[in-house]
C-alpha atoms as a PDB file:
ATOM      1  CA  MET A   1     -15.851   0.667  34.805  1.00  0.00           C
ATOM      2  CA  GLN A   2     -14.259   2.758  32.073  1.00  0.00           C
ATOM      3  CA  HIS A   3     -16.552   4.378  29.551  1.00  0.00           C
ATOM      4  CA  GLU A   4     -16.327   2.872  26.063  1.00  0.00           C
ATOM      5  CA  GLU A   5     -15.899   5.131  23.064  1.00  0.00           C
ATOM      6  CA  LEU A   6     -15.817   4.866  19.316  1.00  0.00           C
ATOM      7  CA  SER A   7     -12.908   6.071  17.253  1.00  0.00           C
ATOM      8  CA  TYR A   8     -11.907   5.727  13.635  1.00  0.00           C
ATOM      9  CA  ALA A   9      -8.922   5.705  11.333  1.00  0.00           C
ATOM     10  CA  ILE A  10      -8.813   6.219   7.578  1.00  0.00           C
ATOM     11  CA  ILE A  11      -5.983   4.602   5.624  1.00  0.00           C
ATOM     12  CA  THR A  12      -5.124   7.064   2.878  1.00  0.00           C
ATOM     13  CA  PRO A  13      -5.105   6.309  -0.866  1.00  0.00           C
ATOM     14  CA  TYR A  14      -1.314   6.517  -1.024  1.00  0.00           C
ATOM     15  CA  SER A  15      -0.933   4.011   1.815  1.00  0.00           C
ATOM     16  CA  MET A  16      -3.365   1.708   0.006  1.00  0.00           C
ATOM     17  CA  ARG A  17      -1.449   1.935  -3.271  1.00  0.00           C
ATOM     18  CA  LYS A  18       1.862   1.273  -1.512  1.00  0.00           C
ATOM     19  CA  SER A  19       0.412  -1.871   0.151  1.00  0.00           C
ATOM     20  CA  ARG A  20       0.939  -0.479   3.644  1.00  0.00           C
ATOM     21  CA  THR A  21      -2.549  -1.568   4.699  1.00  0.00           C
ATOM     22  CA  GLY A  22      -1.457  -4.661   6.616  1.00  0.00           C
ATOM     23  CA  GLY A  23       1.211  -2.865   8.602  1.00  0.00           C
ATOM     24  CA  ILE A  24      -1.156  -0.073   9.573  1.00  0.00           C
ATOM     25  CA  VAL A  25      -4.031  -2.399  10.498  1.00  0.00           C
ATOM     26  CA  GLY A  26      -1.672  -4.546  12.570  1.00  0.00           C
ATOM     27  CA  ARG A  27      -0.435  -1.575  14.572  1.00  0.00           C
ATOM     28  CA  LEU A  28      -3.906  -0.146  15.115  1.00  0.00           C
ATOM     29  CA  ILE A  29      -5.116  -3.450  16.557  1.00  0.00           C
ATOM     30  CA  SER A  30      -2.038  -4.456  18.548  1.00  0.00           C
ATOM     31  CA  ARG A  31      -1.035  -1.082  19.976  1.00  0.00           C
ATOM     32  CA  THR A  32      -4.462   0.247  20.905  1.00  0.00           C
ATOM     33  CA  GLY A  33      -5.930  -3.003  22.273  1.00  0.00           C
ATOM     34  CA  LEU A  34      -9.301  -1.857  20.929  1.00  0.00           C
ATOM     35  CA  ASP A  35     -11.953  -3.929  19.188  1.00  0.00           C
ATOM     36  CA  LEU A  36     -12.240  -3.389  15.446  1.00  0.00           C
ATOM     37  CA  VAL A  37     -16.021  -3.282  15.054  1.00  0.00           C
ATOM     38  CA  GLY A  38     -16.412  -1.877  11.548  1.00  0.00           C
ATOM     39  CA  GLY A  39     -14.586  -1.549   8.284  1.00  0.00           C
ATOM     40  CA  ARG A  40     -15.531  -0.459   4.778  1.00  0.00           C
ATOM     41  CA  MET A  41     -13.804   0.456   1.544  1.00  0.00           C
ATOM     42  CA  PHE A  42     -14.646   3.832   0.012  1.00  0.00           C
ATOM     43  CA  ALA A  43     -13.915   5.537  -3.278  1.00  0.00           C
ATOM     44  CA  PRO A  44     -14.851   9.020  -2.043  1.00  0.00           C
ATOM     45  CA  SER A  45     -16.856  11.272  -4.313  1.00  0.00           C
ATOM     46  CA  PRO A  46     -15.968  14.987  -4.580  1.00  0.00           C
ATOM     47  CA  GLU A  47     -18.995  15.751  -2.410  1.00  0.00           C
ATOM     48  CA  LEU A  48     -17.883  13.439   0.405  1.00  0.00           C
ATOM     49  CA  ALA A  49     -14.290  14.718   0.254  1.00  0.00           C
ATOM     50  CA  LYS A  50     -15.498  18.343   0.326  1.00  0.00           C
ATOM     51  CA  ARG A  51     -17.852  17.834   3.265  1.00  0.00           C
ATOM     52  CA  TYR A  52     -15.241  15.880   5.228  1.00  0.00           C
ATOM     53  CA  ALA A  53     -12.556  18.490   4.534  1.00  0.00           C
ATOM     54  CA  GLU A  54     -14.843  21.229   5.832  1.00  0.00           C
ATOM     55  CA  THR A  55     -14.839  19.605   9.287  1.00  0.00           C
ATOM     56  CA  ILE A  56     -11.067  19.298   9.695  1.00  0.00           C
ATOM     57  CA  VAL A  57      -9.843  22.798  10.599  1.00  0.00           C
ATOM     58  CA  THR A  58     -10.954  23.565  14.168  1.00  0.00           C
ATOM     59  CA  GLU A  59      -7.819  24.651  16.068  1.00  0.00           C
ATOM     60  CA  THR A  60      -7.071  28.233  17.008  1.00  0.00           C
ATOM     61  CA  GLU A  61      -3.411  27.712  17.940  1.00  0.00           C
ATOM     62  CA  PRO A  62      -1.481  28.743  14.774  1.00  0.00           C
ATOM     63  CA  ARG A  63       0.857  25.759  14.500  1.00  0.00           C
ATOM     64  CA  HIS A  64      -1.855  23.145  15.002  1.00  0.00           C
ATOM     65  CA  ARG A  65      -4.212  25.028  12.721  1.00  0.00           C
ATOM     66  CA  ALA A  66      -1.557  25.079   9.998  1.00  0.00           C
ATOM     67  CA  THR A  67      -1.262  21.297  10.241  1.00  0.00           C
ATOM     68  CA  GLN A  68      -5.030  20.892  10.024  1.00  0.00           C
ATOM     69  CA  GLU A  69      -5.054  23.105   6.946  1.00  0.00           C
ATOM     70  CA  LEU A  70      -2.458  20.818   5.358  1.00  0.00           C
ATOM     71  CA  ILE A  71      -4.673  17.811   6.104  1.00  0.00           C
ATOM     72  CA  ARG A  72      -7.727  19.617   4.706  1.00  0.00           C
ATOM     73  CA  ASP A  73      -5.894  20.440   1.487  1.00  0.00           C
ATOM     74  CA  TYR A  74      -4.572  16.868   1.322  1.00  0.00           C
ATOM     75  CA  VAL A  75      -8.103  15.443   1.496  1.00  0.00           C
ATOM     76  CA  LEU A  76      -9.397  17.772  -1.214  1.00  0.00           C
ATOM     77  CA  LYS A  77      -6.514  16.925  -3.527  1.00  0.00           C
ATOM     78  CA  ASN A  78      -5.853  13.233  -2.816  1.00  0.00           C
ATOM     79  CA  PHE A  79      -9.192  11.641  -1.893  1.00  0.00           C
ATOM     80  CA  THR A  80     -10.767  12.035  -5.334  1.00  0.00           C
ATOM     81  CA  GLY A  81      -9.744  11.694  -8.952  1.00  0.00           C
ATOM     82  CA  THR A  82      -7.811   8.911 -10.653  1.00  0.00           C
ATOM     83  CA  ILE A  83      -4.202   7.740 -10.966  1.00  0.00           C
ATOM     84  CA  ASN A  84      -3.399   5.723 -14.081  1.00  0.00           C
ATOM     85  CA  GLY A  85      -7.129   5.319 -14.590  1.00  0.00           C
ATOM     86  CA  GLU A  86      -7.684   3.935 -11.076  1.00  0.00           C
ATOM     87  CA  ARG A  87     -10.069   5.728  -8.731  1.00  0.00           C
ATOM     88  CA  LEU A  88      -8.604   6.501  -5.336  1.00  0.00           C
ATOM     89  CA  ARG A  89      -9.593   4.170  -2.495  1.00  0.00           C
ATOM     90  CA  VAL A  90      -9.520   4.575   1.277  1.00  0.00           C
ATOM     91  CA  LEU A  91     -10.157   2.082   4.061  1.00  0.00           C
ATOM     92  CA  PHE A  92     -12.372   3.359   6.876  1.00  0.00           C
ATOM     93  CA  LEU A  93     -11.925   1.472  10.176  1.00  0.00           C
ATOM     94  CA  ILE A  94     -13.969   1.878  13.368  1.00  0.00           C
ATOM     95  CA  PHE A  95     -12.676   0.905  16.807  1.00  0.00           C
ATOM     96  CA  ARG A  96     -14.439   0.598  20.146  1.00  0.00           C
ATOM     97  CA  GLY A  97     -13.165   0.414  23.712  1.00  0.00           C
ATOM     98  CA  PRO A  98     -12.222   2.425  26.806  1.00  0.00           C
ATOM     99  CA  ASP A  99     -10.522   5.736  25.917  1.00  0.00           C
ATOM    100  CA  ALA A 100     -10.654   4.738  22.253  1.00  0.00           C
ATOM    101  CA  VAL A 101     -10.117   8.274  20.954  1.00  0.00           C
ATOM    102  CA  GLU A 102      -6.965   8.851  23.001  1.00  0.00           C
ATOM    103  CA  LYS A 103      -5.554   5.394  22.239  1.00  0.00           C
ATOM    104  CA  VAL A 104      -5.956   5.907  18.518  1.00  0.00           C
ATOM    105  CA  HIS A 105      -4.411   9.366  18.938  1.00  0.00           C
ATOM    106  CA  ARG A 106      -1.295   7.942  20.619  1.00  0.00           C
ATOM    107  CA  THR A 107      -0.967   5.146  18.079  1.00  0.00           C
ATOM    108  CA  VAL A 108      -1.465   7.294  14.985  1.00  0.00           C
ATOM    109  CA  GLY A 109       0.728  10.125  16.306  1.00  0.00           C
ATOM    110  CA  HIS A 110       1.196  13.729  15.241  1.00  0.00           C
ATOM    111  CA  ILE A 111       2.478  14.290  11.741  1.00  0.00           C
ATOM    112  CA  VAL A 112       4.690  17.269  12.702  1.00  0.00           C
ATOM    113  CA  HIS A 113       6.415  15.421  15.538  1.00  0.00           C
ATOM    114  CA  GLU A 114       8.012  13.030  13.087  1.00  0.00           C
ATOM    115  CA  ARG A 115      10.686  10.767  14.493  1.00  0.00           C
ATOM    116  CA  THR A 116      12.819   8.084  12.917  1.00  0.00           C
ATOM    117  CA  SER A 117      12.141   5.536  15.642  1.00  0.00           C
ATOM    118  CA  GLY A 118       8.831   4.327  14.208  1.00  0.00           C
ATOM    119  CA  GLU A 119       7.078   4.861  17.524  1.00  0.00           C
ATOM    120  CA  THR A 120       3.801   5.878  15.885  1.00  0.00           C
ATOM    121  CA  ILE A 121       2.114   4.977  12.608  1.00  0.00           C
ATOM    122  CA  ARG A 122       2.918   8.391  11.178  1.00  0.00           C
ATOM    123  CA  ASP A 123       6.549   8.064  12.250  1.00  0.00           C
ATOM    124  CA  THR A 124       6.779   5.071   9.920  1.00  0.00           C
ATOM    125  CA  TYR A 125       4.269   5.711   7.147  1.00  0.00           C
ATOM    126  CA  GLY A 126       3.840   9.494   7.158  1.00  0.00           C
ATOM    127  CA  ASP A 127       6.011  12.262   5.735  1.00  0.00           C
ATOM    128  CA  TYR A 128       6.282  15.936   6.656  1.00  0.00           C
ATOM    129  CA  ILE A 129       9.193  17.399   4.705  1.00  0.00           C
ATOM    130  CA  THR A 130      10.191  21.065   4.742  1.00  0.00           C
ATOM    131  CA  ASP A 131      12.875  23.092   3.042  1.00  0.00           C
ATOM    132  CA  ASP A 132      15.405  25.353   4.784  1.00  0.00           C
ATOM    133  CA  SER A 133      12.852  28.135   5.090  1.00  0.00           C
ATOM    134  CA  GLY A 134      10.350  25.854   6.828  1.00  0.00           C
ATOM    135  CA  LYS A 135       7.998  25.598   3.857  1.00  0.00           C
ATOM    136  CA  VAL A 136       6.354  22.193   3.520  1.00  0.00           C
ATOM    137  CA  THR A 137       7.506  20.557   0.291  1.00  0.00           C
ATOM    138  CA  TYR A 138       5.926  17.127   0.767  1.00  0.00           C
ATOM    139  CA  PHE A 139       3.103  15.969   3.010  1.00  0.00           C
ATOM    140  CA  GLU A 140       1.660  12.469   3.424  1.00  0.00           C
ATOM    141  CA  PRO A 141      -0.162  11.688   6.706  1.00  0.00           C
ATOM    142  CA  GLY A 142      -0.494   7.937   6.074  1.00  0.00           C
ATOM    143  CA  VAL A 143      -3.563   7.731   8.312  1.00  0.00           C
ATOM    144  CA  LEU A 144      -6.286  10.218   9.163  1.00  0.00           C
ATOM    145  CA  ALA A 145      -8.141  10.265  12.478  1.00  0.00           C
ATOM    146  CA  THR A 146     -10.082  12.674  14.675  1.00  0.00           C
ATOM    147  CA  PHE A 147      -9.032  13.128  18.278  1.00  0.00           C
ATOM    148  CA  ASP A 148     -12.215  14.564  19.770  1.00  0.00           C
ATOM    149  CA  PRO A 149     -15.162  12.294  20.747  1.00  0.00           C
ATOM    150  CA  LYS A 150     -17.800  14.715  19.446  1.00  0.00           C
ATOM    151  CA  ALA A 151     -15.941  15.049  16.154  1.00  0.00           C
ATOM    152  CA  VAL A 152     -15.793  11.248  15.874  1.00  0.00           C
ATOM    153  CA  GLU A 153     -19.577  11.024  16.158  1.00  0.00           C
ATOM    154  CA  ARG A 154     -20.012  13.796  13.606  1.00  0.00           C
ATOM    155  CA  ASP A 155     -17.644  12.161  11.110  1.00  0.00           C
ATOM    156  CA  LEU A 156     -19.184   8.705  11.504  1.00  0.00           C
ATOM    157  CA  LYS A 157     -22.587  10.117  10.654  1.00  0.00           C
ATOM    158  CA  LEU A 158     -21.149  11.932   7.646  1.00  0.00           C
ATOM    159  CA  TRP A 159     -19.460   8.850   6.191  1.00  0.00           C
ATOM    160  CA  ALA A 160     -22.592   6.803   6.939  1.00  0.00           C
ATOM    161  CA  LYS A 161     -24.580   9.042   4.606  1.00  0.00           C
ATOM    162  CA  PHE A 162     -22.224   8.167   1.743  1.00  0.00           C
ATOM    163  CA  SER A 163     -21.818   4.484   2.626  1.00  0.00           C
ATOM    164  CA  ASP A 164     -24.008   3.130  -0.167  1.00  0.00           C
ATOM    165  CA  SER A 165     -23.075   5.628  -2.865  1.00  0.00           C
ATOM    166  CA  ASP A 166     -19.300   5.739  -2.281  1.00  0.00           C
ATOM    167  CA  GLY A 167     -18.532   2.550  -0.361  1.00  0.00           C
ATOM    168  CA  GLY A 168     -18.858  -1.230  -0.406  1.00  0.00           C
ATOM    169  CA  ILE A 169     -17.444  -3.623  -2.985  1.00  0.00           C
ATOM    170  CA  LEU A 170     -15.594  -1.310  -5.370  1.00  0.00           C
ATOM    171  CA  ASP A 171     -15.926  -3.319  -8.566  1.00  0.00           C
ATOM    172  CA  GLN A 172     -15.582  -0.430 -10.984  1.00  0.00           C
ATOM    173  CA  VAL A 173     -12.700   1.602  -9.558  1.00  0.00           C
ATOM    174  CA  ILE A 174      -9.776  -0.388 -10.990  1.00  0.00           C
ATOM    175  CA  PRO A 175      -9.532  -0.629 -14.795  1.00  0.00           C
ATOM    176  CA  PHE A 176      -8.233  -3.674 -16.602  1.00  0.00           C
ATOM    177  CA  PRO A 177      -7.638  -4.338 -20.320  1.00  0.00           C
ATOM    178  CA  SER A 178     -10.802  -5.360 -22.131  1.00  0.00           C
ATOM    179  CA  ASP A 179      -9.416  -8.831 -22.813  1.00  0.00           C
ATOM    180  CA  ALA A 180      -8.196  -9.413 -19.242  1.00  0.00           C
ATOM    181  CA  LYS A 181      -9.809 -12.299 -17.379  1.00  0.00           C
ATOM    182  CA  THR A 182     -10.315 -10.735 -13.979  1.00  0.00           C
ATOM    183  CA  GLU A 183     -11.639 -12.616 -10.978  1.00  0.00           C
ATOM    184  CA  LYS A 184     -12.687 -11.830  -7.416  1.00  0.00           C
ATOM    185  CA  THR A 185     -11.836 -13.851  -4.347  1.00  0.00           C
ATOM    186  CA  LEU A 186     -12.807 -13.689  -0.697  1.00  0.00           C
ATOM    187  CA  VAL A 187     -10.197 -13.915   2.054  1.00  0.00           C
ATOM    188  CA  LEU A 188     -11.422 -14.751   5.561  1.00  0.00           C
ATOM    189  CA  ILE A 189      -9.089 -14.045   8.459  1.00  0.00           C
ATOM    190  CA  LYS A 190     -10.227 -16.588  11.016  1.00  0.00           C
ATOM    191  CA  PRO A 191     -11.232 -15.938  14.640  1.00  0.00           C
ATOM    192  CA  ASP A 192      -8.139 -17.428  16.267  1.00  0.00           C
ATOM    193  CA  ASN A 193      -6.173 -14.453  14.907  1.00  0.00           C
ATOM    194  CA  PHE A 194      -8.163 -12.173  17.211  1.00  0.00           C
ATOM    195  CA  LYS A 195      -7.991 -13.921  20.558  1.00  0.00           C
ATOM    196  CA  PHE A 196      -5.913 -11.037  21.874  1.00  0.00           C
ATOM    197  CA  PRO A 197      -4.543  -7.797  20.365  1.00  0.00           C
ATOM    198  CA  ASN A 198      -1.659  -8.732  18.093  1.00  0.00           C
ATOM    199  CA  LEU A 199      -0.081  -8.147  14.695  1.00  0.00           C
ATOM    200  CA  ARG A 200      -1.357 -11.329  13.042  1.00  0.00           C
ATOM    201  CA  PRO A 201      -4.396  -9.856  11.234  1.00  0.00           C
ATOM    202  CA  GLY A 202      -2.189  -7.195   9.680  1.00  0.00           C
ATOM    203  CA  GLY A 203       0.413  -9.823   8.867  1.00  0.00           C
ATOM    204  CA  VAL A 204      -2.140 -11.850   6.917  1.00  0.00           C
ATOM    205  CA  ILE A 205      -3.100  -8.781   4.897  1.00  0.00           C
ATOM    206  CA  GLU A 206       0.584  -8.042   4.379  1.00  0.00           C
ATOM    207  CA  VAL A 207       1.159 -11.463   2.822  1.00  0.00           C
ATOM    208  CA  PHE A 208      -1.429 -10.747   0.161  1.00  0.00           C
ATOM    209  CA  SER A 209       0.299  -7.510  -0.793  1.00  0.00           C
ATOM    210  CA  ARG A 210       2.744  -9.677  -2.761  1.00  0.00           C
ATOM    211  CA  SER A 211      -0.049 -11.161  -4.867  1.00  0.00           C
ATOM    212  CA  GLY A 212      -0.512  -8.054  -6.993  1.00  0.00           C
ATOM    213  CA  LEU A 213      -4.232  -8.036  -6.209  1.00  0.00           C
ATOM    214  CA  CYS A 214      -6.166  -5.000  -5.022  1.00  0.00           C
ATOM    215  CA  ILE A 215      -8.435  -4.798  -1.990  1.00  0.00           C
ATOM    216  CA  ILE A 216     -11.877  -3.755  -3.220  1.00  0.00           C
ATOM    217  CA  GLY A 217     -13.907  -4.628  -0.103  1.00  0.00           C
ATOM    218  CA  PHE A 218     -13.486  -4.954   3.650  1.00  0.00           C
ATOM    219  CA  LYS A 219     -16.037  -6.081   6.202  1.00  0.00           C
ATOM    220  CA  VAL A 220     -16.101  -7.082   9.855  1.00  0.00           C
ATOM    221  CA  HIS A 221     -18.523  -9.978   9.910  1.00  0.00           C
ATOM    222  CA  ARG A 222     -20.101 -12.002  12.678  1.00  0.00           C
ATOM    223  CA  MET A 223     -21.128 -15.222  11.018  1.00  0.00           C
ATOM    224  CA  SER A 224     -24.352 -16.919  12.092  1.00  0.00           C
ATOM    225  CA  VAL A 225     -24.805 -20.686  12.292  1.00  0.00           C
ATOM    226  CA  ALA A 226     -27.002 -20.627   9.197  1.00  0.00           C
ATOM    227  CA  GLN A 227     -24.341 -18.737   7.223  1.00  0.00           C
ATOM    228  CA  ALA A 228     -21.609 -21.108   8.399  1.00  0.00           C
ATOM    229  CA  GLU A 229     -23.649 -24.107   7.238  1.00  0.00           C
ATOM    230  CA  ALA A 230     -24.167 -22.527   3.819  1.00  0.00           C
ATOM    231  CA  PHE A 231     -20.520 -21.482   3.508  1.00  0.00           C
ATOM    232  CA  TYR A 232     -19.002 -24.817   4.558  1.00  0.00           C
ATOM    233  CA  GLY A 233     -21.719 -26.959   2.972  1.00  0.00           C
ATOM    234  CA  PRO A 234     -19.664 -27.979  -0.116  1.00  0.00           C
ATOM    235  CA  VAL A 235     -16.831 -29.228   2.130  1.00  0.00           C
ATOM    236  CA  LEU A 236     -18.910 -31.905   3.876  1.00  0.00           C
ATOM    237  CA  SER A 237     -18.834 -34.466   1.063  1.00  0.00           C
ATOM    238  CA  VAL A 238     -15.078 -34.005   0.616  1.00  0.00           C
ATOM    239  CA  LEU A 239     -14.370 -34.561   4.326  1.00  0.00           C
ATOM    240  CA  GLU A 240     -16.640 -37.618   4.425  1.00  0.00           C
ATOM    241  CA  SER A 241     -14.908 -39.157   1.424  1.00  0.00           C
ATOM    242  CA  LYS A 242     -11.447 -38.610   2.891  1.00  0.00           C
ATOM    243  CA  LEU A 243     -12.064 -39.180   6.605  1.00  0.00           C
ATOM    244  CA  GLY A 244     -15.088 -41.434   6.595  1.00  0.00           C
ATOM    245  CA  ALA A 245     -18.702 -40.532   7.243  1.00  0.00           C
ATOM    246  CA  LYS A 246     -18.477 -40.167  11.018  1.00  0.00           C
ATOM    247  CA  SER A 247     -15.106 -38.428  11.308  1.00  0.00           C
ATOM    248  CA  GLY A 248     -15.787 -36.263   8.279  1.00  0.00           C
ATOM    249  CA  ARG A 249     -19.054 -34.975   9.698  1.00  0.00           C
ATOM    250  CA  GLU A 250     -17.487 -34.330  13.121  1.00  0.00           C
ATOM    251  CA  ASN A 251     -14.735 -32.248  11.558  1.00  0.00           C
ATOM    252  CA  TRP A 252     -17.286 -30.418   9.407  1.00  0.00           C
ATOM    253  CA  GLU A 253     -19.434 -29.609  12.448  1.00  0.00           C
ATOM    254  CA  GLU A 254     -16.397 -28.199  14.245  1.00  0.00           C
ATOM    255  CA  ALA A 255     -15.335 -26.195  11.190  1.00  0.00           C
ATOM    256  CA  LYS A 256     -18.722 -24.533  10.810  1.00  0.00           C
ATOM    257  CA  ARG A 257     -18.926 -23.723  14.531  1.00  0.00           C
ATOM    258  CA  MET A 258     -15.567 -21.946  14.651  1.00  0.00           C
ATOM    259  CA  PRO A 259     -16.474 -18.765  12.711  1.00  0.00           C
ATOM    260  CA  THR A 260     -19.655 -18.336  14.758  1.00  0.00           C
ATOM    261  CA  GLY A 261     -17.795 -18.496  18.085  1.00  0.00           C
ATOM    262  CA  ARG A 262     -19.661 -21.687  19.057  1.00  0.00           C
ATOM    263  CA  THR A 263     -16.765 -24.079  19.338  1.00  0.00           C
ATOM    264  CA  ARG A 264     -16.500 -26.911  21.845  1.00  0.00           C
ATOM    265  CA  HIS A 265     -14.291 -24.712  23.998  1.00  0.00           C
ATOM    266  CA  SER A 266     -16.273 -21.496  23.829  1.00  0.00           C
ATOM    267  CA  ARG A 267     -19.932 -21.669  22.937  1.00  0.00           C
ATOM    268  CA  GLN A 268     -20.635 -17.976  23.369  1.00  0.00           C
ATOM    269  CA  ARG A 269     -17.331 -16.337  22.488  1.00  0.00           C
ATOM    270  CA  LYS A 270     -17.670 -13.095  20.566  1.00  0.00           C
ATOM    271  CA  ILE A 271     -15.762 -13.280  17.321  1.00  0.00           C
ATOM    272  CA  HIS A 272     -14.633 -10.598  14.939  1.00  0.00           C
ATOM    273  CA  ARG A 273     -14.399 -11.798  11.378  1.00  0.00           C
ATOM    274  CA  TYR A 274     -12.547  -9.811   8.800  1.00  0.00           C
ATOM    275  CA  CYS A 275     -13.454 -10.274   5.155  1.00  0.00           C
ATOM    276  CA  LEU A 276     -11.444  -8.791   2.341  1.00  0.00           C
ATOM    277  CA  SER A 277     -12.593  -8.983  -1.245  1.00  0.00           C
ATOM    278  CA  ARG A 278      -9.702  -8.819  -3.649  1.00  0.00           C
ATOM    279  CA  ARG A 279      -9.771  -8.375  -7.364  1.00  0.00           C
ATOM    280  CA  GLY A 280      -7.200  -8.798 -10.098  1.00  0.00           C
ATOM    281  CA  ARG A 281      -5.584 -11.216 -12.447  1.00  0.00           C
ATOM    282  CA  GLY A 282      -5.037 -14.590 -10.880  1.00  0.00           C
ATOM    283  CA  ALA A 283      -7.620 -14.214  -8.124  1.00  0.00           C
ATOM    284  CA  GLN A 284      -9.518 -17.458  -7.617  1.00  0.00           C
ATOM    285  CA  ASN A 285     -12.753 -18.603  -6.035  1.00  0.00           C
ATOM    286  CA  PRO A 286     -15.219 -15.808  -6.827  1.00  0.00           C
ATOM    287  CA  ARG A 287     -16.654 -13.982  -3.818  1.00  0.00           C
ATOM    288  CA  ARG A 288     -19.358 -16.028  -2.126  1.00  0.00           C
ATOM    289  CA  THR A 289     -22.710 -14.563  -1.242  1.00  0.00           C
ATOM    290  CA  TRP A 290     -24.769 -15.765   1.684  1.00  0.00           C
ATOM    291  CA  SER A 291     -27.613 -18.148   0.887  1.00  0.00           C
ATOM    292  CA  ASN A 292     -30.026 -16.107   2.976  1.00  0.00           C
ATOM    293  CA  GLY A 293     -29.806 -13.312   0.442  1.00  0.00           C
ATOM    294  CA  SER A 294     -28.139 -10.727   2.676  1.00  0.00           C
ATOM    295  CA  SER A 295     -26.201  -8.233   0.623  1.00  0.00           C
ATOM    296  CA  GLU A 296     -23.084  -6.169   1.086  1.00  0.00           C
ATOM    297  CA  SER A 297     -25.228  -3.127   1.861  1.00  0.00           C
ATOM    298  CA  ALA A 298     -26.310  -4.860   5.072  1.00  0.00           C
ATOM    299  CA  ALA A 299     -22.959  -3.873   6.555  1.00  0.00           C
ATOM    300  CA  ARG A 300     -23.314  -0.159   5.988  1.00  0.00           C
ATOM    301  CA  PHE A 301     -22.088   2.506   8.358  1.00  0.00           C
ATOM    302  CA  ASP A 302     -25.189   3.317  10.361  1.00  0.00           C
ATOM    303  CA  PRO A 303     -24.505   4.786  13.824  1.00  0.00           C
ATOM    304  CA  GLU A 304     -27.978   3.774  15.006  1.00  0.00           C
ATOM    305  CA  ARG A 305     -27.512   0.069  14.412  1.00  0.00           C
ATOM    306  CA  ILE A 306     -26.417  -2.331  17.122  1.00  0.00           C
ATOM    307  CA  TRP A 307     -24.411  -5.505  16.804  1.00  0.00           C
ATOM    308  CA  PRO A 308     -26.914  -8.058  18.147  1.00  0.00           C
ATOM    309  CA  ASP A 309     -26.011 -10.613  20.779  1.00  0.00           C
ATOM    310  CA  ASN A 310     -28.118 -13.250  19.027  1.00  0.00           C
ATOM    311  CA  HIS A 311     -25.707 -15.585  17.225  1.00  0.00           C
ATOM    312  CA  ASP A 312     -28.452 -16.623  14.806  1.00  0.00           C
ATOM    313  CA  GLN A 313     -28.906 -13.084  13.529  1.00  0.00           C
ATOM    314  CA  ARG A 314     -28.777 -13.464   9.774  1.00  0.00           C
ATOM    315  CA  ARG A 315     -27.468 -10.053   8.775  1.00  0.00           C
ATOM    316  CA  ALA A 316     -24.017  -8.776   9.631  1.00  0.00           C
ATOM    317  CA  CYS A 317     -24.231  -5.583  11.668  1.00  0.00           C
ATOM    318  CA  PHE A 318     -21.606  -3.205  12.945  1.00  0.00           C
ATOM    319  CA  ARG A 319     -22.007  -2.010  16.480  1.00  0.00           C
ATOM    320  CA  PHE A 320     -22.419   1.717  16.948  1.00  0.00           C
ATOM    321  CA  CYS A 321     -23.443   2.583  20.464  1.00  0.00           C
END
């Protein structure tokens, strides 16, 4: 049996602003075949950016070291600050599976080996432009990742320390006019989109890029039965009025079982649930909170926590093992 690893990918602020999130997420899921077991939005502080940048340059070979130095300088310059009053956001994704580090490496690609075929994520979304003398005039990696298992563990622990202070639901990072009526909405990408590695989850995110809304939160959630009952509770009366008491309740029972993985066809299926909080003008249905009182901070990056096998577990946990 192959040994499972953790790996991560960070979608850069520029990729977020250009609404490339869906395309990148779709490729990471479909081309690696790995499980996405964690995700969190960050607005990195100068301290987090500085400490992360300090870990990047490790190579001794001159050409590779020069590339790492470019990435280090990119993080220091582009992970903090504001653009048009908006704080810079990144999306931190964690993957798990056999040879996860190498699979993410192949999918993300090397920024210097840029091709026009779009074979890797950086082929499509990254830029490494030089002048005639070989001097780099423009650099955008698109995605950041670490390709050494020990470095992955180190970086996960680092970002975990800043999870509460710099991450979560980023309500205050995007300014709006004082008279603007802003709203938040919750988008749930349902379990049937994750039956096998494919582009559909990224495609769903891509559709929302046309809405003009901004992603301010991202969470991989494993919904319990109790949470499903609370979430779908208001729908019961509507289904009963339209379908009749018996049929309405049957459809409601099936609807609430689906996000927990306890459907008629698969009582114990493990489900990944992706939740995106979006904010902006025209967003509807304010973000729901679970009736059991669990908060967003329950889904923090903590490498010591384990995703429990108990489907009735009330708090959403990411699996780090």
